[in-house]
Amino acid sequence: MSKEYKGDDFYCDMVLTNKIQVKKVLETENILAFYHTKPYWQLHIVVIPKKHTDSLISLGKEDEQLLLELVDVIKKVADKVTKQKGEARVITNLGNYQDSKHLHFHVVSGEEY
């Protein structure tokens, strides 16, 4: 996350409004996957829904199609990373572990910085 940013939804406020440019990995109508702006791992990709959603546990019945599309993109990104690096982790955070209050998944590989 950008050190200058002081809000609580980096993805809606900065990424999805193009206030910060990101290197895209995969994009659909509803989902964006991009290289993390301040990576914590050697390879660090973030996958977000374009619609604001607080977190995994805030998803409702009306979000089923969004969740299916999100999982499909995560699967494609994780498959690509696994083929390139031989391994991948898929991580999401909740509560106080979640710096940005917008549902996002990290697809990572390699050593942590």
C-alpha atoms as a PDB file:
ATOM      1  CA  MET A   1       0.000   0.000   0.000  1.00  0.00           C
ATOM      2  CA  SER A   2       1.220   3.508  -0.718  1.00  0.00           C
ATOM      3  CA  LYS A   3       2.830   5.104   2.361  1.00  0.00           C
ATOM      4  CA  GLU A   4       1.220   8.445   1.458  1.00  0.00           C
ATOM      5  CA  TYR A   5      -2.285   6.971   1.446  1.00  0.00           C
ATOM      6  CA  LYS A   6      -4.182   7.522   4.724  1.00  0.00           C
ATOM      7  CA  GLY A   7      -7.680   6.179   3.926  1.00  0.00           C
ATOM      8  CA  ASP A   8      -9.174   2.753   4.560  1.00  0.00           C
ATOM      9  CA  ASP A   9     -10.047   1.567   1.022  1.00  0.00           C
ATOM     10  CA  PHE A  10      -6.917   1.858  -1.110  1.00  0.00           C
ATOM     11  CA  TYR A  11      -8.494  -0.106  -3.954  1.00  0.00           C
ATOM     12  CA  CYS A  12     -11.615   2.058  -4.426  1.00  0.00           C
ATOM     13  CA  ASP A  13      -9.846   5.330  -3.607  1.00  0.00           C
ATOM     14  CA  MET A  14      -6.611   4.872  -5.541  1.00  0.00           C
ATOM     15  CA  VAL A  15      -6.493   1.829  -7.857  1.00  0.00           C
ATOM     16  CA  LEU A  16      -9.988   1.781  -9.344  1.00  0.00           C
ATOM     17  CA  THR A  17      -9.975   5.567  -9.845  1.00  0.00           C
ATOM     18  CA  ASN A  18      -6.577   5.390 -11.598  1.00  0.00           C
ATOM     19  CA  LYS A  19      -4.998   7.779  -9.075  1.00  0.00           C
ATOM     20  CA  ILE A  20      -2.233   5.217  -8.915  1.00  0.00           C
ATOM     21  CA  GLN A  21      -1.169   3.175 -11.938  1.00  0.00           C
ATOM     22  CA  VAL A  22      -0.873  -0.587 -11.536  1.00  0.00           C
ATOM     23  CA  LYS A  23       0.575  -3.287 -13.752  1.00  0.00           C
ATOM     24  CA  LYS A  24      -2.410  -5.461 -14.656  1.00  0.00           C
ATOM     25  CA  VAL A  25      -2.163  -9.246 -14.739  1.00  0.00           C
ATOM     26  CA  LEU A  26      -5.769 -10.057 -15.681  1.00  0.00           C
ATOM     27  CA  GLU A  27      -8.943  -8.013 -15.918  1.00  0.00           C
ATOM     28  CA  THR A  28     -12.595  -8.869 -16.452  1.00  0.00           C
ATOM     29  CA  GLU A  29     -15.665  -6.663 -16.349  1.00  0.00           C
ATOM     30  CA  ASN A  30     -15.911  -7.134 -12.564  1.00  0.00           C
ATOM     31  CA  ILE A  31     -12.457  -8.223 -11.353  1.00  0.00           C
ATOM     32  CA  LEU A  32      -8.937  -6.784 -11.496  1.00  0.00           C
ATOM     33  CA  ALA A  33      -5.683  -8.656 -10.813  1.00  0.00           C
ATOM     34  CA  PHE A  34      -2.478  -6.611 -10.651  1.00  0.00           C
ATOM     35  CA  TYR A  35       1.023  -6.603  -9.218  1.00  0.00           C
ATOM     36  CA  HIS A  36       1.053  -5.253  -5.653  1.00  0.00           C
ATOM     37  CA  THR A  37       2.261  -1.647  -5.462  1.00  0.00           C
ATOM     38  CA  LYS A  38       4.465  -2.432  -2.422  1.00  0.00           C
ATOM     39  CA  PRO A  39       5.099  -6.202  -2.619  1.00  0.00           C
ATOM     40  CA  TYR A  40       5.712  -8.259   0.523  1.00  0.00           C
ATOM     41  CA  TRP A  41       6.819 -11.347  -1.443  1.00  0.00           C
ATOM     42  CA  GLN A  42       9.114 -11.835  -4.414  1.00  0.00           C
ATOM     43  CA  LEU A  43       6.036 -12.292  -6.606  1.00  0.00           C
ATOM     44  CA  HIS A  44       2.939 -10.559  -5.233  1.00  0.00           C
ATOM     45  CA  ILE A  45      -0.338 -10.145  -7.130  1.00  0.00           C
ATOM     46  CA  VAL A  46      -3.563  -8.675  -5.725  1.00  0.00           C
ATOM     47  CA  VAL A  47      -7.020  -9.704  -6.986  1.00  0.00           C
ATOM     48  CA  ILE A  48      -9.990  -7.436  -6.220  1.00  0.00           C
ATOM     49  CA  PRO A  49     -13.624  -7.083  -7.194  1.00  0.00           C
ATOM     50  CA  LYS A  50     -14.284  -3.743  -8.891  1.00  0.00           C
ATOM     51  CA  LYS A  51     -17.494  -3.425  -6.859  1.00  0.00           C
ATOM     52  CA  HIS A  52     -16.781  -2.320  -3.298  1.00  0.00           C
ATOM     53  CA  THR A  53     -17.119  -5.267  -0.951  1.00  0.00           C
ATOM     54  CA  ASP A  54     -15.815  -4.948   2.608  1.00  0.00           C
ATOM     55  CA  SER A  55     -14.404  -8.444   3.070  1.00  0.00           C
ATOM     56  CA  LEU A  56     -14.935 -12.137   2.472  1.00  0.00           C
ATOM     57  CA  ILE A  57     -17.332 -12.412   5.420  1.00  0.00           C
ATOM     58  CA  SER A  58     -19.476  -9.510   4.226  1.00  0.00           C
ATOM     59  CA  LEU A  59     -20.432 -11.272   0.974  1.00  0.00           C
ATOM     60  CA  GLY A  60     -24.134 -11.991   0.701  1.00  0.00           C
ATOM     61  CA  LYS A  61     -26.385 -14.184  -1.410  1.00  0.00           C
ATOM     62  CA  GLU A  62     -26.593 -11.362  -3.985  1.00  0.00           C
ATOM     63  CA  ASP A  63     -22.801 -11.600  -4.470  1.00  0.00           C
ATOM     64  CA  GLU A  64     -22.717 -15.241  -5.638  1.00  0.00           C
ATOM     65  CA  GLN A  65     -21.926 -14.441  -9.290  1.00  0.00           C
ATOM     66  CA  LEU A  66     -19.261 -11.934  -8.268  1.00  0.00           C
ATOM     67  CA  LEU A  67     -17.683 -14.523  -5.975  1.00  0.00           C
ATOM     68  CA  LEU A  68     -17.680 -17.146  -8.731  1.00  0.00           C
ATOM     69  CA  GLU A  69     -15.992 -14.722 -11.126  1.00  0.00           C
ATOM     70  CA  LEU A  70     -13.510 -13.688  -8.426  1.00  0.00           C
ATOM     71  CA  VAL A  71     -12.582 -17.308  -7.684  1.00  0.00           C
ATOM     72  CA  ASP A  72     -12.188 -17.991 -11.413  1.00  0.00           C
ATOM     73  CA  VAL A  73      -9.731 -15.093 -11.786  1.00  0.00           C
ATOM     74  CA  ILE A  74      -7.839 -16.137  -8.625  1.00  0.00           C
ATOM     75  CA  LYS A  75      -7.616 -19.679 -10.003  1.00  0.00           C
ATOM     76  CA  LYS A  76      -6.224 -18.457 -13.350  1.00  0.00           C
ATOM     77  CA  VAL A  77      -3.672 -16.175 -11.683  1.00  0.00           C
ATOM     78  CA  ALA A  78      -2.625 -18.859  -9.175  1.00  0.00           C
ATOM     79  CA  ASP A  79      -2.273 -21.415 -11.989  1.00  0.00           C
ATOM     80  CA  LYS A  80      -0.047 -19.021 -13.948  1.00  0.00           C
ATOM     81  CA  VAL A  81       2.105 -18.306 -10.871  1.00  0.00           C
ATOM     82  CA  THR A  82       2.370 -22.015 -10.019  1.00  0.00           C
ATOM     83  CA  LYS A  83       3.469 -22.831 -13.574  1.00  0.00           C
ATOM     84  CA  GLN A  84       6.079 -20.040 -13.479  1.00  0.00           C
ATOM     85  CA  LYS A  85       7.391 -20.524  -9.943  1.00  0.00           C
ATOM     86  CA  GLY A  86       6.374 -24.074  -8.988  1.00  0.00           C
ATOM     87  CA  GLU A  87       4.320 -22.826  -6.032  1.00  0.00           C
ATOM     88  CA  ALA A  88       1.813 -20.207  -4.943  1.00  0.00           C
ATOM     89  CA  ARG A  89      -0.149 -19.101  -1.906  1.00  0.00           C
ATOM     90  CA  VAL A  90      -3.602 -17.523  -1.984  1.00  0.00           C
ATOM     91  CA  ILE A  91      -4.280 -15.336   1.043  1.00  0.00           C
ATOM     92  CA  THR A  92      -7.029 -13.033   2.264  1.00  0.00           C
ATOM     93  CA  ASN A  93      -7.153 -11.116   5.533  1.00  0.00           C
ATOM     94  CA  LEU A  94     -10.029 -10.254   7.850  1.00  0.00           C
ATOM     95  CA  GLY A  95     -10.619  -7.839  10.719  1.00  0.00           C
ATOM     96  CA  ASN A  96      -7.543  -6.084  12.042  1.00  0.00           C
ATOM     97  CA  TYR A  97      -5.330  -8.059   9.638  1.00  0.00           C
ATOM     98  CA  GLN A  98      -7.063  -6.310   6.731  1.00  0.00           C
ATOM     99  CA  ASP A  99      -5.302  -2.984   6.028  1.00  0.00           C
ATOM    100  CA  SER A 100      -7.608  -2.013   3.171  1.00  0.00           C
ATOM    101  CA  LYS A 101     -11.285  -2.536   3.944  1.00  0.00           C
ATOM    102  CA  HIS A 102     -12.021  -3.859   0.449  1.00  0.00           C
ATOM    103  CA  LEU A 103     -12.146  -7.571  -0.302  1.00  0.00           C
ATOM    104  CA  HIS A 104      -8.851  -8.608  -1.841  1.00  0.00           C
ATOM    105  CA  PHE A 105      -6.793 -11.735  -2.275  1.00  0.00           C
ATOM    106  CA  HIS A 106      -3.021 -11.994  -2.491  1.00  0.00           C
ATOM    107  CA  VAL A 107      -1.504 -14.543  -4.858  1.00  0.00           C
ATOM    108  CA  VAL A 108       2.118 -14.823  -3.815  1.00  0.00           C
ATOM    109  CA  SER A 109       5.231 -16.882  -4.391  1.00  0.00           C
ATOM    110  CA  GLY A 110       8.823 -16.823  -3.243  1.00  0.00           C
ATOM    111  CA  GLU A 111      10.401 -15.373  -0.142  1.00  0.00           C
ATOM    112  CA  GLU A 112       8.720 -12.764   2.000  1.00  0.00           C
ATOM    113  CA  TYR A 113      10.524  -9.407   2.123  1.00  0.00           C
END
